[in-house]
Protein backbone atom coordinates (compact mmCIF):
# COMPACT_ATOMS: atom_id res chain seq x y z
CA MET A 1 94.44 111.60 126.32
CA ALA A 2 95.59 114.69 124.39
CA ARG A 3 96.53 112.75 121.24
CA LEU A 4 94.39 112.00 118.22
CA ARG A 5 92.62 108.74 119.11
CA ILE A 6 91.66 106.01 116.63
CA LEU A 7 89.82 102.83 117.62
CA VAL A 8 90.35 99.91 115.23
CA LEU A 9 87.72 97.15 115.29
CA THR A 10 88.91 93.71 114.22
CA SER A 11 88.50 89.99 114.90
CA SER A 12 90.66 86.90 114.45
CA THR A 13 88.48 85.14 111.88
CA GLY A 14 91.45 84.11 109.82
CA ALA A 15 94.49 86.34 110.08
CA GLY A 16 93.88 88.98 107.43
CA HIS A 17 91.73 91.34 109.49
CA ASP A 18 94.25 91.47 112.34
CA THR A 19 97.12 91.87 109.89
CA ARG A 20 95.49 94.95 108.37
CA ALA A 21 94.73 96.37 111.81
CA GLN A 22 98.38 95.95 112.79
CA ALA A 23 99.54 97.45 109.50
CA PHE A 24 97.40 100.53 110.08
CA ALA A 25 98.79 100.99 113.60
CA GLU A 26 102.36 100.65 112.35
CA TRP A 27 101.75 103.18 109.58
CA CYS A 28 100.29 105.70 112.03
CA TYR A 29 103.37 105.41 114.21
CA GLU A 30 105.69 105.57 111.20
CA LEU A 31 104.08 108.76 109.90
CA TYR A 32 102.87 110.54 113.06
CA ARG A 33 104.72 108.98 115.99
CA HIS A 34 103.04 109.91 119.30
CA ASP A 35 100.58 112.39 117.83
CA VAL A 36 98.21 109.57 116.83
CA ASP A 37 97.16 106.91 119.33
CA VAL A 38 95.77 103.67 117.86
CA ARG A 39 93.86 101.20 120.01
CA ILE A 40 93.11 97.80 118.41
CA GLU A 41 90.20 95.83 119.82
CA GLN A 42 89.29 92.20 119.06
CA MET A 43 85.74 93.35 119.42
CA LEU A 44 83.88 90.13 118.58
CA GLU A 45 85.90 87.88 120.91
CA LYS A 46 86.17 90.32 123.82
CA SER A 47 82.63 91.62 123.83
CA SER A 48 80.51 88.46 123.69
CA GLY A 49 80.80 84.77 124.52
CA PHE A 50 78.42 84.07 121.65
CA PHE A 51 80.68 85.87 119.18
CA SER A 52 83.80 84.29 120.66
CA ALA A 53 82.35 80.83 120.05
CA GLY A 54 81.50 81.87 116.49
CA VAL A 55 85.07 83.01 115.84
CA ASN A 56 86.45 79.69 117.12
CA PHE A 57 83.98 77.75 114.97
CA TYR A 58 84.92 79.80 111.90
CA ASN A 59 88.61 79.04 112.38
CA TRP A 60 87.87 75.34 112.90
CA ILE A 61 85.93 75.30 109.62
CA GLN A 62 88.79 77.02 107.82
CA GLN A 63 91.27 74.42 109.00
CA LYS A 64 89.13 71.28 108.77
CA SER A 65 86.10 71.66 106.48
CA PRO A 66 85.96 74.76 104.26
CA TRP A 67 82.84 73.42 102.51
CA LEU A 68 80.85 73.92 105.75
CA HIS A 69 81.31 77.66 105.62
CA LYS A 70 78.51 78.27 103.10
CA GLY A 71 75.90 77.58 105.76
CA PHE A 72 77.86 79.50 108.40
CA TYR A 73 78.21 82.45 106.03
CA LEU A 74 74.45 82.62 105.47
CA PHE A 75 73.90 82.55 109.25
CA VAL A 76 76.34 85.43 109.77
CA GLU A 77 74.48 87.47 107.17
CA LEU A 78 71.59 87.68 109.64
CA LEU A 79 73.68 90.17 111.63
CA SER A 80 72.69 92.72 109.01
CA LEU A 81 69.19 92.52 110.48
CA LEU A 82 70.23 92.42 114.15
CA ASN A 83 72.59 95.40 113.86
CA ARG A 84 70.64 97.65 111.56
CA ARG A 85 70.61 100.57 114.01
CA SER A 86 72.67 99.52 117.02
CA VAL A 87 74.80 96.74 118.50
CA SER A 88 72.98 93.66 119.79
CA PHE A 89 75.45 91.13 121.22
CA GLY A 90 78.44 92.57 123.09
CA ARG A 91 77.00 96.06 123.43
CA ALA A 92 78.08 96.58 127.06
CA TYR A 93 81.77 96.01 126.35
CA TYR A 94 81.77 98.14 123.20
CA GLU A 95 79.96 100.96 124.97
CA LYS A 96 82.50 100.87 127.80
CA VAL A 97 85.39 101.12 125.32
CA LEU A 98 83.74 104.10 123.63
CA ARG A 99 83.16 105.96 126.90
CA ASP A 100 86.62 105.23 128.29
CA TYR A 101 88.67 105.87 125.16
CA ARG A 102 86.49 108.45 123.38
CA PRO A 103 87.96 107.87 119.91
CA HIS A 104 87.89 110.48 117.16
CA LEU A 105 87.73 107.74 114.51
CA ILE A 106 86.19 104.27 114.50
CA PHE A 107 88.04 102.25 111.86
CA SER A 108 86.58 98.82 111.09
CA VAL A 109 88.56 96.20 109.19
CA HIS A 110 85.99 93.41 109.71
CA ASP A 111 82.66 92.78 108.02
CA CYS A 112 80.76 92.14 111.26
CA LEU A 113 81.91 95.35 112.94
CA ASN A 114 80.30 98.09 110.85
CA ARG A 115 76.51 98.04 111.00
CA GLY A 116 75.25 99.20 114.36
CA TYR A 117 78.75 99.94 115.63
CA PHE A 118 78.98 103.25 113.80
CA GLN A 119 75.48 104.35 114.85
CA LEU A 120 76.11 103.54 118.52
CA ALA A 121 79.43 105.43 118.47
CA ARG A 122 77.72 108.57 117.15
CA LYS A 123 74.94 108.24 119.72
CA ILE A 124 77.36 107.99 122.66
CA LEU A 125 80.11 110.35 121.55
CA GLY A 126 78.11 112.83 119.50
CA PRO A 127 77.86 112.94 115.70
CA ASP A 128 80.36 115.82 115.42
CA ARG A 129 83.00 114.23 117.66
CA VAL A 130 83.56 110.91 115.89
CA ARG A 131 84.06 109.74 112.32
CA CYS A 132 83.60 106.18 111.04
CA ALA A 133 85.42 104.33 108.27
CA THR A 134 85.67 100.82 106.82
CA TYR A 135 88.48 99.02 105.01
CA CYS A 136 87.18 96.03 103.03
CA GLY A 137 89.88 93.67 101.81
CA GLU A 138 87.76 91.66 99.35
CA PHE A 139 88.97 91.43 95.75
CA SER A 140 85.58 91.20 94.02
CA GLY A 141 81.82 91.09 94.66
CA GLY A 142 79.09 88.49 94.59
CA PHE A 143 78.26 85.57 96.87
CA GLY A 144 80.75 85.73 99.73
CA TYR A 145 80.83 89.53 99.92
CA SER A 146 78.99 90.11 103.17
CA ILE A 147 76.22 92.71 103.30
CA ASN A 148 77.63 93.49 106.75
CA TRP A 149 80.58 95.23 105.12
CA VAL A 150 78.40 98.08 103.92
CA GLU A 151 77.08 100.62 106.40
CA PRO A 152 75.88 103.50 104.19
CA SER A 153 76.41 106.10 106.93
CA ALA A 154 80.19 105.48 106.98
CA ASP A 155 82.24 108.61 106.36
CA LEU A 156 84.72 106.65 104.24
CA TYR A 157 84.62 103.20 102.63
CA VAL A 158 87.93 101.86 101.31
CA SER A 159 88.02 98.92 98.88
CA ARG A 160 91.00 96.93 97.67
CA THR A 161 89.94 96.85 93.99
CA ALA A 162 87.64 98.78 91.67
CA THR A 163 85.60 95.60 91.16
CA ALA A 164 84.92 95.29 94.89
CA ASN A 165 84.23 99.01 95.15
CA ASP A 166 81.55 98.78 92.45
CA PHE A 167 79.85 96.00 94.41
CA ALA A 168 79.86 98.06 97.62
CA ILE A 169 78.12 100.86 95.74
CA LYS A 170 75.60 98.33 94.42
CA LEU A 171 74.87 97.31 98.04
CA GLY A 172 74.10 100.91 99.01
CA MET A 173 77.39 102.66 99.83
CA PRO A 174 77.32 106.23 98.42
CA ALA A 175 79.94 106.42 95.66
CA ALA A 176 81.22 109.84 96.80
CA ARG A 177 82.43 108.32 100.07
CA THR A 178 84.25 105.34 98.54
CA ARG A 179 87.92 105.00 97.62
CA VAL A 180 90.06 102.30 96.00
CA ARG A 181 93.32 102.15 97.89
CA GLY A 182 94.71 98.63 97.61
CA TYR A 183 97.18 96.74 99.73
CA LEU A 184 97.40 98.13 103.32
CA MET A 185 100.56 96.16 104.07
CA GLN A 186 103.02 96.87 106.87
CA PRO A 187 105.64 99.58 106.26
CA ARG A 188 108.44 97.02 106.31
CA ALA A 189 107.02 95.46 103.12
CA TYR A 190 107.92 98.69 101.30
CA VAL A 191 111.36 98.99 102.87
CA GLU A 192 112.58 95.38 102.92
CA VAL A 193 112.76 94.91 99.17
CA LEU A 194 115.11 92.73 97.14
CA PRO A 195 115.52 94.99 94.11
CA THR A 196 117.85 92.95 91.90
CA ALA A 197 118.38 89.38 90.75
CA ASP A 198 121.66 89.32 92.68
CA ALA A 199 119.88 90.38 95.89
CA ARG A 200 117.29 87.66 95.45
CA ALA A 201 119.96 85.06 94.73
CA ASP A 202 121.86 86.12 97.84
CA PHE A 203 118.72 85.77 99.99
CA LEU A 204 117.96 82.30 98.59
CA GLU A 205 121.47 81.02 99.09
CA ASN A 206 122.52 82.66 102.35
CA GLU A 207 119.24 83.09 104.24
CA LEU A 208 117.25 80.08 103.08
CA GLU A 209 120.15 77.78 102.11
CA LEU A 210 118.52 77.06 98.75
CA ARG A 211 119.83 77.40 95.20
CA SER A 212 119.31 80.43 93.02
CA ASP A 213 119.16 78.46 89.74
CA ARG A 214 116.08 76.34 90.56
CA PHE A 215 112.36 76.96 90.21
CA THR A 216 111.16 77.96 93.69
CA LEU A 217 107.64 77.02 94.74
CA PHE A 218 106.11 78.59 97.85
CA LEU A 219 103.48 76.53 99.70
CA ALA A 220 101.79 79.13 101.88
CA THR A 221 99.12 79.18 104.56
CA GLY A 222 97.23 81.73 106.61
CA GLY A 223 98.02 82.59 110.20
CA ASN A 224 95.81 79.78 111.51
CA GLY A 225 97.83 77.21 109.60
CA ALA A 226 95.19 75.61 107.33
CA ASN A 227 97.23 73.77 104.67
CA ASN A 228 97.67 70.71 102.46
CA HIS A 229 101.46 70.69 102.41
CA LEU A 230 101.90 66.98 103.18
CA GLU A 231 99.51 66.04 100.36
CA LEU A 232 101.24 68.26 97.82
CA LEU A 233 104.90 67.60 98.53
CA PRO A 234 105.02 64.02 97.10
CA GLN A 235 103.86 65.44 93.77
CA LEU A 236 107.09 67.43 93.57
CA LEU A 237 109.51 64.56 94.10
CA PRO A 238 109.75 63.65 90.38
CA HIS A 239 111.12 67.13 89.74
CA ALA A 240 113.45 67.35 92.73
CA ASP A 241 116.43 67.99 90.45
CA ARG A 242 114.84 71.15 89.01
CA LEU A 243 112.74 72.75 91.75
CA GLN A 244 112.81 73.55 95.45
CA VAL A 245 110.15 74.41 98.02
CA VAL A 246 109.51 77.11 100.61
CA LEU A 247 106.94 76.09 103.24
CA VAL A 248 105.32 78.09 106.05
CA CYS A 249 102.93 76.60 108.60
CA GLY A 250 101.35 79.58 110.39
CA LYS A 251 100.51 78.75 113.99
CA ASN A 252 100.07 75.05 113.21
CA ARG A 253 102.84 73.50 115.28
CA GLU A 254 101.78 69.94 114.41
CA THR A 255 102.25 70.57 110.68
CA TYR A 256 105.62 72.19 111.30
CA ASN A 257 106.84 69.11 113.18
CA GLU A 258 105.57 66.78 110.47
CA LEU A 259 107.23 68.81 107.72
CA VAL A 260 110.58 68.81 109.48
CA HIS A 261 110.34 65.02 109.67
CA TRP A 262 109.24 64.74 106.00
CA ARG A 263 112.18 66.88 104.90
CA ALA A 264 114.61 64.59 106.73
CA GLU A 265 113.13 61.56 104.96
CA HIS A 266 113.33 63.19 101.50
CA PRO A 267 116.72 64.92 101.26
CA GLU A 268 116.53 64.87 97.46
CA LEU A 269 113.96 67.72 97.50
CA ALA A 270 115.40 70.95 98.90
CA CYS A 271 112.97 72.54 101.38
CA TYR A 272 112.95 75.60 103.59
CA VAL A 273 110.47 75.17 106.47
CA ASP A 274 109.21 77.92 108.77
CA GLY A 275 106.33 78.25 111.24
CA PHE A 276 104.57 81.60 111.65
CA SER A 277 106.79 83.69 109.41
CA GLU A 278 107.47 87.41 109.69
CA LYS A 279 109.23 87.44 106.32
CA VAL A 280 106.51 86.29 103.92
CA HIS A 281 107.10 89.50 101.94
CA LEU A 282 110.69 88.38 101.38
CA LEU A 283 109.81 84.76 100.64
CA LEU A 284 107.38 85.89 97.93
CA GLN A 285 110.08 87.99 96.30
CA VAL A 286 112.32 84.94 95.78
CA SER A 287 109.55 82.51 94.74
CA ASP A 288 108.41 81.75 91.20
CA ALA A 289 104.85 80.84 92.27
CA VAL A 290 102.82 80.54 95.47
CA VAL A 291 100.17 77.94 96.27
CA THR A 292 97.60 79.46 98.59
CA ARG A 293 93.97 79.44 99.55
CA GLY A 294 92.01 82.58 98.68
CA GLY A 295 93.18 84.56 101.69
CA THR A 296 93.25 88.22 100.77
CA THR A 297 96.44 89.11 102.65
CA THR A 298 98.71 86.51 101.05
CA CYS A 299 97.20 87.09 97.60
CA ALA A 300 97.62 90.87 97.86
CA LYS A 301 101.26 90.45 98.86
CA ALA A 302 101.81 87.98 96.03
CA LEU A 303 100.39 90.47 93.54
CA HIS A 304 102.49 93.30 94.90
CA PHE A 305 105.68 91.22 94.84
CA ARG A 306 105.02 89.71 91.38
CA CYS A 307 104.63 86.09 92.53
CA PRO A 308 101.96 84.24 90.45
CA ILE A 309 99.22 82.47 92.40
CA VAL A 310 98.00 78.88 92.24
CA CYS A 311 94.63 78.76 94.01
CA ASN A 312 94.27 75.89 96.48
CA ALA A 313 90.68 74.55 96.46
CA ILE A 314 91.37 71.19 98.12
CA GLY A 315 88.49 70.50 100.53
CA GLY A 316 86.36 73.28 99.03
CA VAL A 317 86.50 77.06 98.82
CA MET A 318 84.99 79.26 101.54
CA PRO A 319 82.58 81.93 100.21
CA GLN A 320 84.80 84.90 100.98
CA GLU A 321 87.80 83.05 99.52
CA SER A 322 85.82 82.51 96.33
CA LEU A 323 85.83 86.28 95.79
CA THR A 324 89.63 86.23 95.61
CA VAL A 325 89.74 83.10 93.46
CA LYS A 326 87.23 84.63 91.05
CA PHE A 327 89.27 87.82 90.74
CA PHE A 328 92.45 85.99 89.76
CA GLN A 329 90.81 83.37 87.59
CA ARG A 330 89.00 86.01 85.56
CA GLY A 331 91.95 88.37 85.52
CA CYS A 332 94.79 86.00 84.66
CA ALA A 333 93.36 82.46 84.46
CA ALA A 334 95.07 81.53 87.73
CA PRO A 335 95.19 77.72 88.10
CA LEU A 336 92.71 76.18 90.55
CA ILE A 337 93.72 72.85 92.06
CA GLY A 338 91.13 70.61 93.70
CA SER A 339 93.37 67.63 94.46
CA ALA A 340 96.99 66.66 94.95
CA ALA A 341 96.90 64.88 91.59
CA GLY A 342 95.70 68.05 89.89
CA PHE A 343 98.57 69.94 91.48
CA GLY A 344 101.02 67.33 90.25
CA ALA A 345 99.67 67.61 86.72
CA LEU A 346 100.12 71.39 86.80
CA ILE A 347 103.73 71.13 87.93
CA ASP A 348 104.40 68.44 85.30
CA THR A 349 103.14 70.87 82.65
CA TRP A 350 105.30 73.71 83.90
CA MET A 351 108.41 71.58 84.11
CA ALA A 352 107.84 70.19 80.61
CA ASP A 353 107.01 73.55 79.02
CA ARG A 354 108.04 76.74 80.80
CA ALA A 355 106.05 78.75 78.25
CA ALA A 356 102.84 77.83 80.08
CA TYR A 357 104.22 79.24 83.31
CA GLU A 358 105.60 82.34 81.60
CA LYS A 359 102.19 83.14 80.10
CA LEU A 360 100.55 82.84 83.52
CA ARG A 361 103.17 85.16 84.98
CA ALA A 362 102.72 87.77 82.28
CA ASP A 363 98.92 87.74 82.67
CA PHE A 364 99.27 87.89 86.45
CA LEU A 365 101.55 90.92 86.31
CA SER A 366 98.99 92.75 84.18
CA LEU A 367 96.74 92.93 87.28
CA ARG A 368 99.33 94.85 89.31
CA TYR A 369 99.26 98.51 90.14
CA GLU A 370 101.62 100.80 92.01
CA GLU A 371 100.35 103.03 94.80
CA ASP A 372 101.55 105.40 97.49
CA PRO A 373 100.81 103.40 100.65
CA THR A 374 100.60 106.54 102.79
CA ILE A 375 97.59 108.05 100.99
CA VAL A 376 94.95 105.94 102.73
CA ILE A 377 96.61 106.52 106.12
CA ARG A 378 96.56 110.29 105.61
CA GLU A 379 92.91 110.16 104.56
CA LEU A 380 91.91 108.19 107.66
CA VAL A 381 93.90 110.39 110.01
CA GLY A 382 92.31 113.38 108.29
CA LEU A 383 88.88 112.06 109.25
CA ALA A 384 90.01 111.77 112.86
CA GLU A 385 91.23 115.36 112.73
CA GLU A 386 87.80 116.53 111.57
CA ALA A 387 86.24 115.05 114.69
CA ALA A 388 89.08 116.24 116.95
CA ALA A 389 88.40 119.81 115.86
CA ASN A 390 85.14 119.53 117.84
CA ASP A 391 86.74 117.92 120.89
CA PRO A 392 86.13 119.96 124.08
CA ASP A 393 89.74 119.30 125.18
CA PRO A 394 91.86 122.23 123.91
CA LYS A 395 95.00 120.06 123.92
CA THR A 396 93.36 117.66 121.51
CA ARG A 397 92.16 120.46 119.26
CA ALA A 398 95.75 121.63 119.07
CA LYS A 399 96.64 118.36 117.33
CA VAL A 400 94.56 119.23 114.29
CA GLY A 401 96.74 119.92 111.24
CA LEU A 402 99.29 117.16 111.77
CA SER A 403 102.20 116.84 109.39
CA ALA A 404 103.22 113.34 108.36
CA ARG A 405 106.85 112.30 108.42
CA PRO A 406 108.46 111.42 105.07
CA PHE A 407 108.35 107.80 103.92
CA PRO A 408 110.47 105.86 103.33
CA PRO A 409 112.65 107.24 106.11
CA LYS A 410 116.11 108.55 105.38
CA PRO A 411 118.91 106.02 106.01
CA ARG A 412 120.49 106.41 109.39
CA LYS A 413 124.13 107.49 109.68
CA HIS A 414 126.34 105.05 111.49
């Protein structure tokens, strides 16, 4: 237990929170190796049967009936009252984790794991021996931006965009302790890059067995596999001689099986089908547009990799997804499709007049920004070091003043 210890609080409501938790852990290992120990906890599911049922219900809504989430969202907002000063449901498990692990930093990447959780950590561990930070992945503010994100006592509050950061300040987060830091993607997304047209063509032809001279449309989904792929694909058949499709299914095995069968029945439309993909960052780099719900992780990757977004609103838009949709609609007039027919009309327009697509792409690219992905990691580890300086264990105190390894790493000699 002599290393710097960071406890990451997350939950599997959707896949984005867990993805960011994993990305943070991978960055810490990439930069600090064994000097920083990261422990990820699915705190909602593991601490309370009540919360576990809520997580399952949330994911069911996301897959089956997004329109139901407005009521569920308002119910979840009540946690801001229950957890004003301490943790209500699941306290025993959380307290045990704190006492056993004794983290120097509590890092929350979930809206329901800030209020109360930070106060209880300081009470148990001591205010000088733990720091608390939040990473909020929302793109903008308004209805759908949970009040539970903002715990004003947090030592650091990280937002993805300046728009979202302004809203956090409006909700009570002191501006001096806020930062805008962006993507928080895995290190491999910055290393596995297809830098040239030839590299992208090679990936399309040799890895995906598609053509490099066709318009490539990416039908995406989140980790839970909520999608409308089988509704959308027939709309593409009239243009099968000019476009091709990349499809991922997340953890939805039933959809994967159905798509494999659909592909066999429609050989005229070239399709690449994958389940839960570990190479979405590469698929986005070779796609001309991505159709996705307002999930923050996919949309952030699409923005980083210059792949314009078509917002999927079939079946309704969940409140937190509406924050992402609003950001891209206001920023670049991203298309919003509410039906398969609407999607077909959009593709008809693009295929008839590429100028409409090119304008969308140019406006979309204007929203991009470049960043050093290691800055936010160094800032968070720096907070942990502040607390470790007060740790009674002299071996831990010796870890203060860590030096990060260079990134990207130097190529290995063979």
